[in-house]
C-alpha atoms as a PDB file:
ATOM      1  CA  UNK A   1      25.059  -1.332   7.457  1.00  0.00           C
ATOM      2  CA  UNK A   2      22.752  -3.612   5.477  1.00  0.00           C
ATOM      3  CA  UNK A   3      22.175  -3.848   1.724  1.00  0.00           C
ATOM      4  CA  UNK A   4      19.228  -5.126  -0.311  1.00  0.00           C
ATOM      5  CA  UNK A   5      20.193  -6.412  -3.766  1.00  0.00           C
ATOM      6  CA  UNK A   6      16.998  -5.747  -5.689  1.00  0.00           C
ATOM      7  CA  UNK A   7      17.920  -7.936  -8.673  1.00  0.00           C
ATOM      8  CA  UNK A   8      20.445 -10.716  -9.238  1.00  0.00           C
ATOM      9  CA  UNK A   9      20.638 -14.167 -10.828  1.00  0.00           C
ATOM     10  CA  UNK A  10      22.178 -16.640  -8.398  1.00  0.00           C
ATOM     11  CA  UNK A  11      20.815 -19.617 -10.294  1.00  0.00           C
ATOM     12  CA  UNK A  12      23.369 -18.827 -13.032  1.00  0.00           C
ATOM     13  CA  UNK A  13      25.859 -21.615 -13.674  1.00  0.00           C
ATOM     14  CA  UNK A  14      28.741 -19.159 -13.151  1.00  0.00           C
ATOM     15  CA  UNK A  15      28.036 -19.604  -9.425  1.00  0.00           C
ATOM     16  CA  UNK A  16      27.776 -23.377  -9.551  1.00  0.00           C
ATOM     17  CA  UNK A  17      31.042 -24.205  -7.790  1.00  0.00           C
ATOM     18  CA  UNK A  18      30.889 -21.622  -4.984  1.00  0.00           C
ATOM     19  CA  UNK A  19      27.245 -20.602  -4.665  1.00  0.00           C
ATOM     20  CA  UNK A  20      26.655 -21.751  -1.072  1.00  0.00           C
ATOM     21  CA  UNK A  21      29.927 -20.364   0.250  1.00  0.00           C
ATOM     22  CA  UNK A  22      29.452 -17.062  -1.577  1.00  0.00           C
ATOM     23  CA  UNK A  23      25.877 -16.536  -0.407  1.00  0.00           C
ATOM     24  CA  UNK A  24      26.755 -17.216   3.224  1.00  0.00           C
ATOM     25  CA  UNK A  25      29.750 -14.889   2.967  1.00  0.00           C
ATOM     26  CA  UNK A  26      27.648 -12.088   1.475  1.00  0.00           C
ATOM     27  CA  UNK A  27      25.031 -12.404   4.198  1.00  0.00           C
ATOM     28  CA  UNK A  28      27.753 -12.109   6.819  1.00  0.00           C
ATOM     29  CA  UNK A  29      28.987  -8.997   4.982  1.00  0.00           C
ATOM     30  CA  UNK A  30      25.622  -7.262   5.371  1.00  0.00           C
ATOM     31  CA  UNK A  31      23.821  -8.309   2.181  1.00  0.00           C
ATOM     32  CA  UNK A  32      20.766  -9.346   4.145  1.00  0.00           C
ATOM     33  CA  UNK A  33      18.186  -9.486   1.359  1.00  0.00           C
ATOM     34  CA  UNK A  34      18.526 -10.525  -2.290  1.00  0.00           C
ATOM     35  CA  UNK A  35      15.989 -10.978  -5.061  1.00  0.00           C
ATOM     36  CA  UNK A  36      17.333 -13.688  -7.353  1.00  0.00           C
ATOM     37  CA  UNK A  37      15.054 -12.993 -10.279  1.00  0.00           C
ATOM     38  CA  UNK A  38      13.325 -15.325 -12.683  1.00  0.00           C
ATOM     39  CA  UNK A  39      13.763 -14.711 -16.401  1.00  0.00           C
ATOM     40  CA  UNK A  40      12.501 -17.938 -18.023  1.00  0.00           C
ATOM     41  CA  UNK A  41      10.275 -20.821 -17.031  1.00  0.00           C
ATOM     42  CA  UNK A  42      13.233 -22.976 -16.005  1.00  0.00           C
ATOM     43  CA  UNK A  43      15.045 -20.041 -14.420  1.00  0.00           C
ATOM     44  CA  UNK A  44      11.969 -19.248 -12.350  1.00  0.00           C
ATOM     45  CA  UNK A  45      11.824 -22.849 -11.144  1.00  0.00           C
ATOM     46  CA  UNK A  46      15.514 -22.792 -10.153  1.00  0.00           C
ATOM     47  CA  UNK A  47      15.162 -19.514  -8.298  1.00  0.00           C
ATOM     48  CA  UNK A  48      12.101 -20.692  -6.391  1.00  0.00           C
ATOM     49  CA  UNK A  49      14.162 -23.603  -5.087  1.00  0.00           C
ATOM     50  CA  UNK A  50      17.026 -21.266  -4.216  1.00  0.00           C
ATOM     51  CA  UNK A  51      14.658 -18.965  -2.330  1.00  0.00           C
ATOM     52  CA  UNK A  52      13.278 -21.918  -0.390  1.00  0.00           C
ATOM     53  CA  UNK A  53      16.794 -22.867   0.668  1.00  0.00           C
ATOM     54  CA  UNK A  54      17.847 -19.454   1.992  1.00  0.00           C
ATOM     55  CA  UNK A  55      15.736 -17.275   4.292  1.00  0.00           C
ATOM     56  CA  UNK A  56      17.218 -14.026   2.944  1.00  0.00           C
ATOM     57  CA  UNK A  57      16.691 -14.807  -0.736  1.00  0.00           C
ATOM     58  CA  UNK A  58      13.478 -14.075  -2.625  1.00  0.00           C
ATOM     59  CA  UNK A  59      12.547 -14.399  -6.262  1.00  0.00           C
ATOM     60  CA  UNK A  60      10.243 -13.350  -9.096  1.00  0.00           C
ATOM     61  CA  UNK A  61       8.312 -15.315 -11.706  1.00  0.00           C
ATOM     62  CA  UNK A  62       8.587 -14.251 -15.310  1.00  0.00           C
ATOM     63  CA  UNK A  63       9.724 -14.876 -18.869  1.00  0.00           C
ATOM     64  CA  UNK A  64      11.978 -12.199 -20.311  1.00  0.00           C
ATOM     65  CA  UNK A  65      11.728 -11.019 -23.930  1.00  0.00           C
ATOM     66  CA  UNK A  66      14.972 -12.861 -24.661  1.00  0.00           C
ATOM     67  CA  UNK A  67      13.588 -16.183 -23.419  1.00  0.00           C
ATOM     68  CA  UNK A  68      10.407 -16.357 -25.472  1.00  0.00           C
ATOM     69  CA  UNK A  69       9.610 -18.947 -28.136  1.00  0.00           C
ATOM     70  CA  UNK A  70       6.691 -19.890 -30.351  1.00  0.00           C
ATOM     71  CA  UNK A  71       5.131 -21.734 -27.404  1.00  0.00           C
ATOM     72  CA  UNK A  72       5.203 -18.650 -25.194  1.00  0.00           C
ATOM     73  CA  UNK A  73       1.468 -18.789 -24.441  1.00  0.00           C
ATOM     74  CA  UNK A  74       1.790 -22.328 -23.069  1.00  0.00           C
ATOM     75  CA  UNK A  75       4.888 -21.309 -21.105  1.00  0.00           C
ATOM     76  CA  UNK A  76       3.050 -18.349 -19.587  1.00  0.00           C
ATOM     77  CA  UNK A  77       0.176 -20.630 -18.564  1.00  0.00           C
ATOM     78  CA  UNK A  78       2.666 -22.939 -16.861  1.00  0.00           C
ATOM     79  CA  UNK A  79       4.332 -19.918 -15.251  1.00  0.00           C
ATOM     80  CA  UNK A  80       1.012 -18.899 -13.702  1.00  0.00           C
ATOM     81  CA  UNK A  81       0.475 -22.432 -12.402  1.00  0.00           C
ATOM     82  CA  UNK A  82       3.951 -22.348 -10.874  1.00  0.00           C
ATOM     83  CA  UNK A  83       3.168 -18.986  -9.281  1.00  0.00           C
ATOM     84  CA  UNK A  84      -0.098 -20.215  -7.776  1.00  0.00           C
ATOM     85  CA  UNK A  85       1.568 -23.342  -6.383  1.00  0.00           C
ATOM     86  CA  UNK A  86       4.238 -21.275  -4.608  1.00  0.00           C
ATOM     87  CA  UNK A  87       2.569 -17.948  -3.827  1.00  0.00           C
ATOM     88  CA  UNK A  88       1.744 -18.831  -0.227  1.00  0.00           C
ATOM     89  CA  UNK A  89       5.445 -19.322   0.536  1.00  0.00           C
ATOM     90  CA  UNK A  90       5.880 -15.549   0.505  1.00  0.00           C
ATOM     91  CA  UNK A  91       9.020 -15.951  -1.584  1.00  0.00           C
ATOM     92  CA  UNK A  92       7.697 -14.840  -5.000  1.00  0.00           C
ATOM     93  CA  UNK A  93       7.572 -11.063  -4.806  1.00  0.00           C
ATOM     94  CA  UNK A  94       6.847  -9.919  -8.362  1.00  0.00           C
ATOM     95  CA  UNK A  95       6.238 -10.872 -11.983  1.00  0.00           C
ATOM     96  CA  UNK A  96       9.491 -10.446 -13.865  1.00  0.00           C
ATOM     97  CA  UNK A  97      11.724  -9.931 -15.409  1.00  0.00           C
ATOM     98  CA  UNK A  98       9.439  -9.113 -18.326  1.00  0.00           C
ATOM     99  CA  UNK A  99       9.441  -6.455 -21.008  1.00  0.00           C
ATOM    100  CA  UNK A 100      10.730  -5.575 -24.450  1.00  0.00           C
ATOM    101  CA  UNK A 101      14.184  -6.025 -25.974  1.00  0.00           C
ATOM    102  CA  UNK A 102      14.811  -5.036 -29.579  1.00  0.00           C
ATOM    103  CA  UNK A 103      18.573  -5.552 -29.419  1.00  0.00           C
ATOM    104  CA  UNK A 104      18.226  -8.977 -30.983  1.00  0.00           C
ATOM    105  CA  UNK A 105      15.962 -10.075 -33.820  1.00  0.00           C
ATOM    106  CA  UNK A 106      13.103 -11.373 -31.686  1.00  0.00           C
ATOM    107  CA  UNK A 107       9.516 -11.121 -32.930  1.00  0.00           C
ATOM    108  CA  UNK A 108       8.160  -7.820 -31.579  1.00  0.00           C
ATOM    109  CA  UNK A 109       4.557  -9.021 -31.713  1.00  0.00           C
ATOM    110  CA  UNK A 110       5.392 -12.025 -29.529  1.00  0.00           C
ATOM    111  CA  UNK A 111       7.278  -9.764 -27.096  1.00  0.00           C
ATOM    112  CA  UNK A 112       4.343  -7.376 -26.852  1.00  0.00           C
ATOM    113  CA  UNK A 113       1.819 -10.151 -26.234  1.00  0.00           C
ATOM    114  CA  UNK A 114       4.006 -11.879 -23.651  1.00  0.00           C
ATOM    115  CA  UNK A 115       4.574  -8.602 -21.815  1.00  0.00           C
ATOM    116  CA  UNK A 116       0.861  -7.799 -21.803  1.00  0.00           C
ATOM    117  CA  UNK A 117      -0.189 -11.292 -20.665  1.00  0.00           C
ATOM    118  CA  UNK A 118       2.302 -11.239 -17.792  1.00  0.00           C
ATOM    119  CA  UNK A 119       1.056  -7.802 -16.697  1.00  0.00           C
ATOM    120  CA  UNK A 120      -2.402  -9.389 -16.559  1.00  0.00           C
ATOM    121  CA  UNK A 121      -1.030 -12.087 -14.244  1.00  0.00           C
ATOM    122  CA  UNK A 122       0.597  -9.454 -12.020  1.00  0.00           C
ATOM    123  CA  UNK A 123      -2.704  -7.586 -11.748  1.00  0.00           C
ATOM    124  CA  UNK A 124      -4.618 -10.798 -11.070  1.00  0.00           C
ATOM    125  CA  UNK A 125      -2.417 -11.647  -8.073  1.00  0.00           C
ATOM    126  CA  UNK A 126      -1.706  -8.066  -6.927  1.00  0.00           C
ATOM    127  CA  UNK A 127       2.015  -8.229  -7.608  1.00  0.00           C
ATOM    128  CA  UNK A 128       4.383  -5.555  -8.925  1.00  0.00           C
ATOM    129  CA  UNK A 129       6.335  -6.164 -12.120  1.00  0.00           C
ATOM    130  CA  UNK A 130      10.064  -6.066 -12.850  1.00  0.00           C
ATOM    131  CA  UNK A 131      10.823  -4.646 -16.275  1.00  0.00           C
ATOM    132  CA  UNK A 132      13.670  -5.434 -18.660  1.00  0.00           C
ATOM    133  CA  UNK A 133      13.859  -2.938 -21.517  1.00  0.00           C
ATOM    134  CA  UNK A 134      16.568  -2.444 -24.120  1.00  0.00           C
ATOM    135  CA  UNK A 135      16.420  -0.459 -27.362  1.00  0.00           C
ATOM    136  CA  UNK A 136      12.647  -0.241 -26.851  1.00  0.00           C
ATOM    137  CA  UNK A 137      12.127   2.818 -24.657  1.00  0.00           C
ATOM    138  CA  UNK A 138       9.017   4.390 -26.132  1.00  0.00           C
ATOM    139  CA  UNK A 139       7.279   1.100 -26.932  1.00  0.00           C
ATOM    140  CA  UNK A 140       7.785   0.035 -23.314  1.00  0.00           C
ATOM    141  CA  UNK A 141       6.307   3.264 -21.971  1.00  0.00           C
ATOM    142  CA  UNK A 142       3.414   3.150 -24.450  1.00  0.00           C
ATOM    143  CA  UNK A 143       2.558  -0.417 -23.487  1.00  0.00           C
ATOM    144  CA  UNK A 144       2.581   0.480 -19.778  1.00  0.00           C
ATOM    145  CA  UNK A 145       0.279   3.422 -20.396  1.00  0.00           C
ATOM    146  CA  UNK A 146      -2.118   1.169 -22.320  1.00  0.00           C
ATOM    147  CA  UNK A 147      -1.923  -1.694 -19.797  1.00  0.00           C
ATOM    148  CA  UNK A 148      -2.116  -0.257 -16.296  1.00  0.00           C
ATOM    149  CA  UNK A 149      -0.134  -2.090 -13.627  1.00  0.00           C
ATOM    150  CA  UNK A 150      -2.053  -1.982 -10.352  1.00  0.00           C
ATOM    151  CA  UNK A 151       0.932  -2.490  -8.056  1.00  0.00           C
ATOM    152  CA  UNK A 152       3.425  -0.612 -10.257  1.00  0.00           C
ATOM    153  CA  UNK A 153       6.966  -2.001 -10.312  1.00  0.00           C
ATOM    154  CA  UNK A 154      10.632  -1.580 -11.092  1.00  0.00           C
ATOM    155  CA  UNK A 155      12.721  -0.714 -14.105  1.00  0.00           C
ATOM    156  CA  UNK A 156      15.546  -3.132 -13.398  1.00  0.00           C
ATOM    157  CA  UNK A 157      19.066  -2.116 -14.413  1.00  0.00           C
ATOM    158  CA  UNK A 158      17.358   0.936 -15.809  1.00  0.00           C
ATOM    159  CA  UNK A 159      18.883   2.224 -19.052  1.00  0.00           C
ATOM    160  CA  UNK A 160      20.457   5.639 -18.592  1.00  0.00           C
ATOM    161  CA  UNK A 161      17.909   7.280 -20.843  1.00  0.00           C
ATOM    162  CA  UNK A 162      16.437  10.615 -19.753  1.00  0.00           C
ATOM    163  CA  UNK A 163      13.079  10.153 -21.458  1.00  0.00           C
ATOM    164  CA  UNK A 164      12.615   6.646 -20.073  1.00  0.00           C
ATOM    165  CA  UNK A 165      13.393   7.728 -16.519  1.00  0.00           C
ATOM    166  CA  UNK A 166      11.134  10.790 -16.779  1.00  0.00           C
ATOM    167  CA  UNK A 167       8.183   8.737 -18.061  1.00  0.00           C
ATOM    168  CA  UNK A 168       8.811   5.864 -15.642  1.00  0.00           C
ATOM    169  CA  UNK A 169       8.674   8.255 -12.694  1.00  0.00           C
ATOM    170  CA  UNK A 170       5.435   9.755 -14.015  1.00  0.00           C
ATOM    171  CA  UNK A 171       4.011   6.219 -13.935  1.00  0.00           C
ATOM    172  CA  UNK A 172       5.181   5.917 -10.293  1.00  0.00           C
ATOM    173  CA  UNK A 173       7.700   3.160 -11.005  1.00  0.00           C
ATOM    174  CA  UNK A 174      10.956   2.613  -9.151  1.00  0.00           C
ATOM    175  CA  UNK A 175      14.338   3.000 -10.840  1.00  0.00           C
ATOM    176  CA  UNK A 176      16.878   0.295 -10.033  1.00  0.00           C
ATOM    177  CA  UNK A 177      20.485   1.298 -10.626  1.00  0.00           C
ATOM    178  CA  UNK A 178      23.267  -1.164 -11.351  1.00  0.00           C
ATOM    179  CA  UNK A 179      26.933  -1.293 -12.334  1.00  0.00           C
ATOM    180  CA  UNK A 180      26.629   0.861 -15.481  1.00  0.00           C
ATOM    181  CA  UNK A 181      26.198   4.031 -13.396  1.00  0.00           C
ATOM    182  CA  UNK A 182      29.825   3.571 -12.311  1.00  0.00           C
ATOM    183  CA  UNK A 183      31.246   2.987 -15.796  1.00  0.00           C
ATOM    184  CA  UNK A 184      33.668   5.625 -17.011  1.00  0.00           C
ATOM    185  CA  UNK A 185      31.868   5.825 -20.370  1.00  0.00           C
ATOM    186  CA  UNK A 186      28.414   6.388 -18.831  1.00  0.00           C
ATOM    187  CA  UNK A 187      28.307  10.051 -19.757  1.00  0.00           C
ATOM    188  CA  UNK A 188      24.872  10.889 -18.362  1.00  0.00           C
ATOM    189  CA  UNK A 189      24.943   8.709 -15.235  1.00  0.00           C
ATOM    190  CA  UNK A 190      25.187  11.688 -12.873  1.00  0.00           C
ATOM    191  CA  UNK A 191      22.238  13.424 -14.524  1.00  0.00           C
ATOM    192  CA  UNK A 192      20.082  10.293 -14.284  1.00  0.00           C
ATOM    193  CA  UNK A 193      20.983   9.802 -10.615  1.00  0.00           C
ATOM    194  CA  UNK A 194      20.036  13.415  -9.935  1.00  0.00           C
ATOM    195  CA  UNK A 195      16.705  12.951 -11.751  1.00  0.00           C
ATOM    196  CA  UNK A 196      15.506  10.118  -9.513  1.00  0.00           C
ATOM    197  CA  UNK A 197      14.054  11.080  -6.118  1.00  0.00           C
ATOM    198  CA  UNK A 198      15.525   9.226  -3.174  1.00  0.00           C
ATOM    199  CA  UNK A 199      12.239   7.465  -2.455  1.00  0.00           C
ATOM    200  CA  UNK A 200      12.258   5.865  -5.937  1.00  0.00           C
ATOM    201  CA  UNK A 201      15.837   4.537  -6.087  1.00  0.00           C
ATOM    202  CA  UNK A 202      16.816   0.881  -5.734  1.00  0.00           C
ATOM    203  CA  UNK A 203      20.235  -0.696  -6.142  1.00  0.00           C
ATOM    204  CA  UNK A 204      21.056  -4.028  -7.730  1.00  0.00           C
ATOM    205  CA  UNK A 205      23.968  -5.983  -9.141  1.00  0.00           C
ATOM    206  CA  UNK A 206      22.254  -8.054 -11.873  1.00  0.00           C
ATOM    207  CA  UNK A 207      24.855 -10.627 -10.850  1.00  0.00           C
ATOM    208  CA  UNK A 208      26.767 -12.284 -12.407  1.00  0.00           C
ATOM    209  CA  UNK A 209      26.636  -9.530 -15.038  1.00  0.00           C
ATOM    210  CA  UNK A 210      27.662  -5.867 -15.184  1.00  0.00           C
ATOM    211  CA  UNK A 211      30.249  -5.732 -12.410  1.00  0.00           C
ATOM    212  CA  UNK A 212      30.813  -2.079 -11.449  1.00  0.00           C
ATOM    213  CA  UNK A 213      34.042  -0.115 -11.396  1.00  0.00           C
ATOM    214  CA  UNK A 214      36.588  -0.858  -9.996  1.00  0.00           C
ATOM    215  CA  UNK A 215      35.897  -4.592 -10.519  1.00  0.00           C
ATOM    216  CA  UNK A 216      34.432  -4.297 -14.010  1.00  0.00           C
ATOM    217  CA  UNK A 217      34.978  -7.418 -16.107  1.00  0.00           C
ATOM    218  CA  UNK A 218      34.788  -9.850 -13.190  1.00  0.00           C
ATOM    219  CA  UNK A 219      31.919 -12.155 -12.200  1.00  0.00           C
ATOM    220  CA  UNK A 220      29.638  -9.804 -10.337  1.00  0.00           C
ATOM    221  CA  UNK A 221      28.147 -10.539  -6.920  1.00  0.00           C
ATOM    222  CA  UNK A 222      26.211  -8.662  -4.263  1.00  0.00           C
ATOM    223  CA  UNK A 223      29.320  -7.687  -2.302  1.00  0.00           C
ATOM    224  CA  UNK A 224      29.772  -5.079  -5.045  1.00  0.00           C
ATOM    225  CA  UNK A 225      26.616  -3.173  -4.109  1.00  0.00           C
ATOM    226  CA  UNK A 226      28.820  -0.825  -2.113  1.00  0.00           C
ATOM    227  CA  UNK A 227      30.328   0.590  -5.301  1.00  0.00           C
ATOM    228  CA  UNK A 228      26.898   1.371  -6.748  1.00  0.00           C
ATOM    229  CA  UNK A 229      25.731   2.918  -3.470  1.00  0.00           C
ATOM    230  CA  UNK A 230      28.947   4.939  -3.268  1.00  0.00           C
ATOM    231  CA  UNK A 231      28.357   6.420  -6.722  1.00  0.00           C
ATOM    232  CA  UNK A 232      24.813   7.471  -5.803  1.00  0.00           C
ATOM    233  CA  UNK A 233      26.046   8.901  -2.512  1.00  0.00           C
ATOM    234  CA  UNK A 234      28.707  11.002  -4.227  1.00  0.00           C
ATOM    235  CA  UNK A 235      26.225  12.491  -6.704  1.00  0.00           C
ATOM    236  CA  UNK A 236      23.489  13.183  -4.166  1.00  0.00           C
ATOM    237  CA  UNK A 237      25.778  14.409  -1.383  1.00  0.00           C
ATOM    238  CA  UNK A 238      24.929  11.577   0.969  1.00  0.00           C
ATOM    239  CA  UNK A 239      26.838   8.957   2.914  1.00  0.00           C
ATOM    240  CA  UNK A 240      26.937   5.387   1.658  1.00  0.00           C
ATOM    241  CA  UNK A 241      25.121   4.410   4.862  1.00  0.00           C
ATOM    242  CA  UNK A 242      22.247   6.753   3.978  1.00  0.00           C
ATOM    243  CA  UNK A 243      21.977   5.297   0.479  1.00  0.00           C
ATOM    244  CA  UNK A 244      22.043   1.737   1.837  1.00  0.00           C
ATOM    245  CA  UNK A 245      19.305   2.517   4.376  1.00  0.00           C
ATOM    246  CA  UNK A 246      17.084   4.371   1.901  1.00  0.00           C
ATOM    247  CA  UNK A 247      17.342   1.822  -0.901  1.00  0.00           C
ATOM    248  CA  UNK A 248      16.724  -1.001   1.576  1.00  0.00           C
ATOM    249  CA  UNK A 249      13.559   0.736   2.776  1.00  0.00           C
ATOM    250  CA  UNK A 250      12.423   1.330  -0.816  1.00  0.00           C
ATOM    251  CA  UNK A 251      12.956  -2.314  -1.765  1.00  0.00           C
ATOM    252  CA  UNK A 252      10.960  -3.487   1.254  1.00  0.00           C
ATOM    253  CA  UNK A 253       8.125  -1.204   0.175  1.00  0.00           C
ATOM    254  CA  UNK A 254       7.853  -2.132  -3.520  1.00  0.00           C
ATOM    255  CA  UNK A 255       8.338  -5.823  -2.787  1.00  0.00           C
ATOM    256  CA  UNK A 256       5.794  -5.661   0.082  1.00  0.00           C
ATOM    257  CA  UNK A 257       8.166  -6.911   2.748  1.00  0.00           C
ATOM    258  CA  UNK A 258       7.429  -4.107   5.201  1.00  0.00           C
ATOM    259  CA  UNK A 259       6.361  -6.541   7.899  1.00  0.00           C
ATOM    260  CA  UNK A 260       9.859  -8.046   8.096  1.00  0.00           C
END
């Protein structure tokens, strides 16, 4: 049984002391593909280097709404240059994580412009996008309707919001499910899982964050994908092996790795 972790952050300093040992151990445990996602200019650079080091690790290039500053236009220009310089490696699979986050007091106009400009980059290079959205459901959907994404993309660690999931599926996006679907206080997790067709589901850890039950509160890693897959399997009446196989196939498709 093999797993594809559709979104993690192995450049995080929480992994500094044991990163190499942990990654090799996870691969041996059947975690045979991981997207260690970019989220800032520096984070994208670190993850590109990580992806170069390990055959089974890939990455994305993007600046998240929580990593923007007043020089965001210059940073996005540099991000595109970084993308172009590394695109032929086959290791940068998407533009992300990008999006809107109104949880903190970040300038909404800057967020909107950065999101739109990075969608333009994705369309220019025929890449899907990976979306981060929090407390900004309808604005995110509205922006996507106004700025068509040619290669579609993924709602990463998708909020358990019925309207968001319904509209995201209408736009032909994938829904990536993470640790929160296992949380005891996630009251509508089962309903959301039922809403998403099998051919649109991905699984991720968002490591080192959001460890699922029964290891909630620990530093998360891709070995915990089995708990997320198990939850989906129980709701959809499948085996964990079926969920692992289906989500692996889906991730290969959206990330255009079908030839591997």
